[in-house]
Amino acid sequence: MNLILFGPPAAGKGTQAKRLVEQRGMVQLSTGDMLREAIASGSDLGRECQAIMSRGDLVSDAIVIALIEARLKEAEDAGGAIFDGFPRTVAQAEALDAMLAKLGKQIDRVIRLKVDDTALLARVAKRFAEQGRPDDNPEAFSVRLEAYNRNTAPLLPYYADKGLLTEIDGMGAIEVVSSTIDAVLAAPVS
């Protein structure tokens, strides 16, 4: 199964993906984690990504697609991928469809975690104070959230038209969100 967890940064996608990895043995492909790993490596790519992200801008499609493509076969061999933070644009969604088609696979489900932007900003400010993640800087996060809302809005009809999109309330308790996701995954594909 290939699943996209869709929602803005700090919506809880990572929390839910980690739970699904433990339960189902799938591989989480988190572009945020991959970008943080590139930055931590100190490579040229990492320094380029750090400069882009510290401004609150989105890293280019070419970089993100290359990061995903490098890990896709591993995910498919494990029984599927949980895409977390990818795709963010229609171009990325089309590239993902093409990459999966080469492997004879497809996206099976898209779950959108609907959240309140004001609550997200408060969540990120708290996480920044506790963990000090540079990409959680509240000012940069506001720019990322705006870019997310602007750039990813076209993905809703893209996946809805394919009958793959399910929207759930992402503001509930973690256990409630988890139960709702499990129910969606257990239901037959329409």
Protein backbone atom coordinates (compact mmCIF):
# COMPACT_ATOMS: atom_id res chain seq x y z
CA MET A 1 0.00 0.00 0.00
CA ASN A 2 1.19 3.50 -0.81
CA LEU A 3 -0.29 6.21 1.36
CA ILE A 4 0.05 9.98 1.32
CA LEU A 5 -0.45 11.79 4.61
CA PHE A 6 -1.43 15.26 3.53
CA GLY A 7 -1.42 18.34 5.71
CA PRO A 8 0.64 21.38 6.56
CA PRO A 9 3.86 21.24 8.56
CA ALA A 10 3.24 20.33 12.23
CA ALA A 11 -0.18 18.79 11.47
CA GLY A 12 0.84 15.46 13.00
CA LYS A 13 1.79 13.59 9.83
CA GLY A 14 5.10 12.43 11.29
CA THR A 15 3.47 11.14 14.46
CA GLN A 16 0.92 9.15 12.50
CA ALA A 17 3.47 7.90 9.97
CA LYS A 18 5.75 6.55 12.72
CA ARG A 19 2.82 4.65 14.21
CA LEU A 20 1.91 3.17 10.83
CA VAL A 21 5.54 2.17 10.21
CA GLU A 22 5.58 0.27 13.51
CA GLN A 23 2.22 -1.41 12.86
CA ARG A 24 2.49 -2.15 9.15
CA GLY A 25 6.22 -2.31 8.39
CA MET A 26 5.94 0.34 5.69
CA VAL A 27 8.68 2.90 5.05
CA GLN A 28 8.08 6.53 5.93
CA LEU A 29 9.38 8.88 3.27
CA SER A 30 9.42 12.23 5.03
CA THR A 31 10.83 15.02 2.93
CA GLY A 32 11.27 17.09 6.09
CA ASP A 33 13.42 14.37 7.68
CA MET A 34 15.35 13.86 4.44
CA LEU A 35 16.04 17.58 4.16
CA ARG A 36 17.15 17.80 7.80
CA GLU A 37 19.50 14.83 7.18
CA ALA A 38 20.94 16.59 4.13
CA ILE A 39 21.51 19.76 6.20
CA ALA A 40 23.13 17.79 9.04
CA SER A 41 25.49 16.12 6.56
CA GLY A 42 27.06 19.49 5.76
CA SER A 43 27.03 18.66 2.05
CA ASP A 44 26.65 21.27 -0.68
CA LEU A 45 23.06 20.10 -1.10
CA GLY A 46 22.51 20.41 2.65
CA ARG A 47 23.85 23.96 2.75
CA GLU A 48 21.66 24.90 -0.22
CA CYS A 49 18.60 23.41 1.47
CA GLN A 50 19.41 25.15 4.76
CA ALA A 51 19.57 28.56 3.06
CA ILE A 52 16.25 27.97 1.30
CA MET A 53 14.44 26.63 4.38
CA SER A 54 15.74 29.31 6.75
CA ARG A 55 14.00 31.89 4.53
CA GLY A 56 10.80 29.85 4.80
CA ASP A 57 10.88 28.98 1.11
CA LEU A 58 10.11 25.54 -0.30
CA VAL A 59 12.98 23.46 -1.69
CA SER A 60 12.73 22.95 -5.48
CA ASP A 61 10.75 20.07 -6.97
CA ALA A 62 13.92 18.68 -8.57
CA ILE A 63 15.69 18.29 -5.21
CA VAL A 64 12.68 16.83 -3.42
CA ILE A 65 11.86 14.39 -6.24
CA ALA A 66 15.48 13.18 -6.32
CA LEU A 67 15.38 12.54 -2.55
CA ILE A 68 12.14 10.53 -2.87
CA GLU A 69 13.27 8.59 -5.93
CA ALA A 70 16.45 7.49 -4.13
CA ARG A 71 14.35 5.78 -1.42
CA LEU A 72 11.31 4.58 -3.39
CA LYS A 73 12.48 1.05 -4.23
CA GLU A 74 13.37 0.40 -0.57
CA ALA A 75 9.84 1.43 0.40
CA GLU A 76 8.20 -0.73 -2.24
CA ASP A 77 10.30 -3.74 -1.19
CA ALA A 78 9.06 -3.24 2.39
CA GLY A 79 5.41 -3.32 1.33
CA GLY A 80 4.74 0.31 0.59
CA ALA A 81 5.46 3.88 1.44
CA ILE A 82 3.96 6.49 3.65
CA PHE A 83 4.62 9.82 1.95
CA ASP A 84 4.89 12.57 4.54
CA GLY A 85 5.32 16.10 3.20
CA PHE A 86 5.32 14.95 -0.42
CA PRO A 87 3.88 15.74 -2.86
CA ARG A 88 3.32 19.44 -2.28
CA THR A 89 2.57 20.51 -5.83
CA VAL A 90 0.72 19.00 -8.79
CA ALA A 91 4.08 18.66 -10.60
CA GLN A 92 5.41 16.60 -7.68
CA ALA A 93 2.23 14.48 -7.67
CA GLU A 94 2.61 13.78 -11.38
CA ALA A 95 6.30 12.90 -10.88
CA LEU A 96 5.34 10.53 -8.04
CA ASP A 97 2.70 8.85 -10.20
CA ALA A 98 5.31 8.34 -12.95
CA MET A 99 7.93 6.96 -10.50
CA LEU A 100 5.42 4.50 -9.03
CA ALA A 101 4.14 3.46 -12.47
CA LYS A 102 7.70 2.41 -13.41
CA LEU A 103 7.49 -0.02 -10.49
CA GLY A 104 3.97 -1.15 -11.40
CA LYS A 105 2.57 0.61 -8.32
CA GLN A 106 0.29 3.53 -7.53
CA ILE A 107 -0.99 5.70 -4.71
CA ASP A 108 -3.69 3.78 -2.85
CA ARG A 109 -4.89 6.35 -0.31
CA VAL A 110 -4.52 10.04 0.43
CA ILE A 111 -5.47 11.18 3.92
CA ARG A 112 -5.65 14.90 4.57
CA LEU A 113 -5.29 15.99 8.17
CA LYS A 114 -7.41 19.13 8.41
CA VAL A 115 -6.04 21.51 11.00
CA ASP A 116 -6.45 25.05 12.30
CA ASP A 117 -3.61 27.38 11.19
CA THR A 118 -3.67 29.42 14.42
CA ALA A 119 -3.38 26.27 16.54
CA LEU A 120 -0.52 25.08 14.32
CA LEU A 121 1.40 28.31 14.87
CA ALA A 122 1.06 27.85 18.65
CA ARG A 123 2.16 24.20 18.36
CA VAL A 124 5.24 25.18 16.36
CA ALA A 125 6.20 28.02 18.71
CA LYS A 126 6.10 25.53 21.59
CA ARG A 127 8.12 22.92 19.65
CA PHE A 128 10.68 25.60 18.67
CA ALA A 129 11.07 26.62 22.32
CA GLU A 130 11.47 22.99 23.45
CA GLN A 131 13.51 21.47 20.59
CA GLY A 132 15.05 24.47 18.83
CA ARG A 133 14.52 23.02 15.33
CA PRO A 134 15.56 25.83 12.96
CA ASP A 135 12.73 25.04 10.51
CA ASP A 136 10.25 25.60 13.37
CA ASN A 137 11.22 29.25 13.76
CA PRO A 138 7.74 30.84 14.08
CA GLU A 139 8.44 33.56 11.48
CA ALA A 140 9.81 31.09 8.92
CA PHE A 141 7.00 28.67 9.77
CA SER A 142 4.38 31.33 8.94
CA VAL A 143 5.94 31.70 5.48
CA ARG A 144 6.02 27.89 5.04
CA LEU A 145 2.39 27.59 6.11
CA GLU A 146 1.32 30.28 3.66
CA ALA A 147 3.31 28.58 0.87
CA TYR A 148 1.80 25.23 1.79
CA ASN A 149 -1.75 26.58 1.66
CA ARG A 150 -1.12 28.36 -1.65
CA ASN A 151 0.85 25.63 -3.45
CA THR A 152 -0.92 22.51 -2.26
CA ALA A 153 -4.54 23.61 -2.65
CA PRO A 154 -4.59 22.24 -6.25
CA LEU A 155 -3.70 18.78 -4.91
CA LEU A 156 -7.08 18.40 -3.24
CA PRO A 157 -9.04 18.13 -6.49
CA TYR A 158 -6.15 16.19 -8.11
CA TYR A 159 -6.59 13.34 -5.62
CA ALA A 160 -10.34 13.80 -5.05
CA ASP A 161 -10.94 13.34 -8.79
CA LYS A 162 -9.11 10.00 -8.56
CA GLY A 163 -11.31 8.94 -5.63
CA LEU A 164 -8.30 8.69 -3.31
CA LEU A 165 -8.80 11.63 -0.92
CA THR A 166 -10.23 11.28 2.58
CA GLU A 167 -10.26 14.29 4.89
CA ILE A 168 -10.18 13.84 8.65
CA ASP A 169 -10.03 16.17 11.63
CA GLY A 170 -6.36 16.41 12.56
CA MET A 171 -6.98 18.57 15.64
CA GLY A 172 -8.27 15.74 17.82
CA ALA A 173 -6.30 13.68 20.31
CA ILE A 174 -3.56 11.55 18.75
CA GLU A 175 -5.46 8.35 19.59
CA VAL A 176 -8.65 9.61 17.92
CA VAL A 177 -6.77 10.65 14.77
CA SER A 178 -5.03 7.24 14.77
CA SER A 179 -8.34 5.36 15.03
CA THR A 180 -9.84 7.39 12.21
CA ILE A 181 -6.84 6.71 9.96
CA ASP A 182 -7.03 2.98 10.76
CA ALA A 183 -10.71 2.97 9.79
CA VAL A 184 -9.95 4.72 6.49
CA LEU A 185 -7.18 2.22 5.68
CA ALA A 186 -9.43 -0.75 6.55
CA ALA A 187 -12.25 0.44 4.28
CA PRO A 188 -12.38 -0.82 0.69
CA VAL A 189 -11.10 1.60 -1.95
CA SER A 190 -14.09 3.18 -3.67
